[in-house]
């Protein structure tokens, strides 16, 4: 079910819809729970107004992730799971996400346009 949810989130994003699917909705909960907004501005997340990392507003329209990877669901999930291993030297902390958590967060960010 999760790959289907991710595909639906990406399809909705491509259509300009910001309505999250189940995986994306869970990603939104995870982002709030893990306090990602303490470092990032994240539309749709209460109190997510951090200025340490880049704003994630319009994330679905960005071409690159961390200036090093093309912005697609697989690359984002891989980066979220092990940021320093994927892009050495960056400041993004390793949140020790599961594969499913990384996919759900990626699905939510795909709705941010």
Protein backbone atom coordinates (compact mmCIF):
# COMPACT_ATOMS: atom_id res chain seq x y z
CA UNK A 1 0.00 0.00 0.00
CA UNK A 2 2.81 2.45 0.75
CA UNK A 3 4.25 2.53 -2.80
CA UNK A 4 0.73 3.20 -4.07
CA UNK A 5 0.28 6.01 -1.54
CA UNK A 6 3.60 7.55 -2.59
CA UNK A 7 2.60 7.32 -6.24
CA UNK A 8 -0.72 9.00 -5.51
CA UNK A 9 1.00 11.78 -3.57
CA UNK A 10 3.33 12.44 -6.47
CA UNK A 11 0.46 12.35 -8.95
CA UNK A 12 -1.54 14.82 -6.86
CA UNK A 13 1.51 17.04 -6.60
CA UNK A 14 1.92 17.03 -10.36
CA UNK A 15 -1.71 18.14 -10.71
CA UNK A 16 -1.14 21.09 -8.41
CA UNK A 17 -3.15 19.59 -5.55
CA UNK A 18 -1.81 19.96 -2.03
CA UNK A 19 -4.21 17.38 -0.58
CA UNK A 20 -2.12 14.69 1.11
CA UNK A 21 -2.71 10.96 0.72
CA UNK A 22 -2.49 8.52 3.64
CA UNK A 23 1.33 8.18 3.35
CA UNK A 24 1.70 11.94 3.02
CA UNK A 25 -0.65 12.51 5.96
CA UNK A 26 1.51 10.21 8.08
CA UNK A 27 4.60 12.06 6.83
CA UNK A 28 3.07 15.31 8.06
CA UNK A 29 2.59 13.77 11.52
CA UNK A 30 6.18 12.50 11.54
CA UNK A 31 7.56 15.90 10.52
CA UNK A 32 5.68 17.54 13.39
CA UNK A 33 6.63 14.83 15.90
CA UNK A 34 10.33 14.93 14.95
CA UNK A 35 10.44 18.75 15.20
CA UNK A 36 11.77 19.21 11.68
CA UNK A 37 10.30 22.71 11.85
CA UNK A 38 12.89 23.71 14.43
CA UNK A 39 15.33 23.91 11.52
CA UNK A 40 13.06 24.35 8.48
CA UNK A 41 10.11 26.48 7.42
CA UNK A 42 7.54 23.88 6.42
CA UNK A 43 4.13 25.03 5.17
CA UNK A 44 1.30 23.03 6.70
CA UNK A 45 3.20 22.28 9.92
CA UNK A 46 2.28 24.43 12.93
CA UNK A 47 5.31 26.23 14.36
CA UNK A 48 7.64 25.05 11.58
CA UNK A 49 9.49 28.32 11.21
CA UNK A 50 13.14 27.35 11.71
CA UNK A 51 15.85 29.23 9.86
CA UNK A 52 18.78 26.83 10.30
CA UNK A 53 18.04 24.72 7.21
CA UNK A 54 16.45 25.75 3.95
CA UNK A 55 12.76 26.53 3.67
CA UNK A 56 10.78 23.57 2.36
CA UNK A 57 8.08 25.80 0.88
CA UNK A 58 7.64 24.85 -2.75
CA UNK A 59 9.72 21.73 -2.23
CA UNK A 60 7.95 19.79 -4.99
CA UNK A 61 9.18 22.38 -7.51
CA UNK A 62 12.83 22.23 -6.44
CA UNK A 63 15.14 20.53 -8.88
CA UNK A 64 17.76 19.43 -6.36
CA UNK A 65 17.95 17.97 -2.86
CA UNK A 66 20.78 19.39 -0.72
CA UNK A 67 22.34 20.73 -3.91
CA UNK A 68 23.50 17.24 -4.83
CA UNK A 69 20.62 14.95 -5.85
CA UNK A 70 17.83 15.27 -8.37
CA UNK A 71 14.54 15.82 -6.57
CA UNK A 72 12.58 12.60 -6.83
CA UNK A 73 10.88 10.43 -4.23
CA UNK A 74 13.55 7.72 -4.16
CA UNK A 75 16.43 10.18 -3.75
CA UNK A 76 14.61 12.13 -1.07
CA UNK A 77 13.78 9.00 0.96
CA UNK A 78 17.42 7.86 0.64
CA UNK A 79 18.68 11.27 1.76
CA UNK A 80 16.24 11.46 4.69
CA UNK A 81 17.40 8.04 5.94
CA UNK A 82 21.12 8.88 5.97
CA UNK A 83 21.81 12.54 5.09
CA UNK A 84 25.56 12.59 5.82
CA UNK A 85 26.15 9.29 4.01
CA UNK A 86 24.37 10.58 0.91
CA UNK A 87 25.71 14.16 1.01
CA UNK A 88 28.87 14.19 3.15
CA UNK A 89 29.47 17.32 5.18
CA UNK A 90 25.90 18.60 5.28
CA UNK A 91 24.33 19.66 8.57
CA UNK A 92 21.12 17.61 8.32
CA UNK A 93 20.99 15.27 11.34
CA UNK A 94 20.33 11.56 11.00
CA UNK A 95 16.87 11.02 12.48
CA UNK A 96 17.18 7.21 12.21
CA UNK A 97 14.09 6.92 10.05
CA UNK A 98 12.73 3.62 8.84
CA UNK A 99 12.25 3.13 5.11
CA UNK A 100 8.49 3.62 5.54
CA UNK A 101 8.94 6.82 7.57
CA UNK A 102 11.33 8.26 4.97
CA UNK A 103 8.85 7.42 2.17
CA UNK A 104 5.97 9.03 4.06
CA UNK A 105 7.92 12.22 4.76
CA UNK A 106 8.99 12.32 1.10
CA UNK A 107 5.32 11.89 0.10
CA UNK A 108 4.32 14.84 2.28
CA UNK A 109 7.08 17.07 0.92
CA UNK A 110 5.95 16.16 -2.61
CA UNK A 111 2.66 17.92 -1.81
CA UNK A 112 4.42 21.17 -0.93
CA UNK A 113 4.11 23.41 -3.98
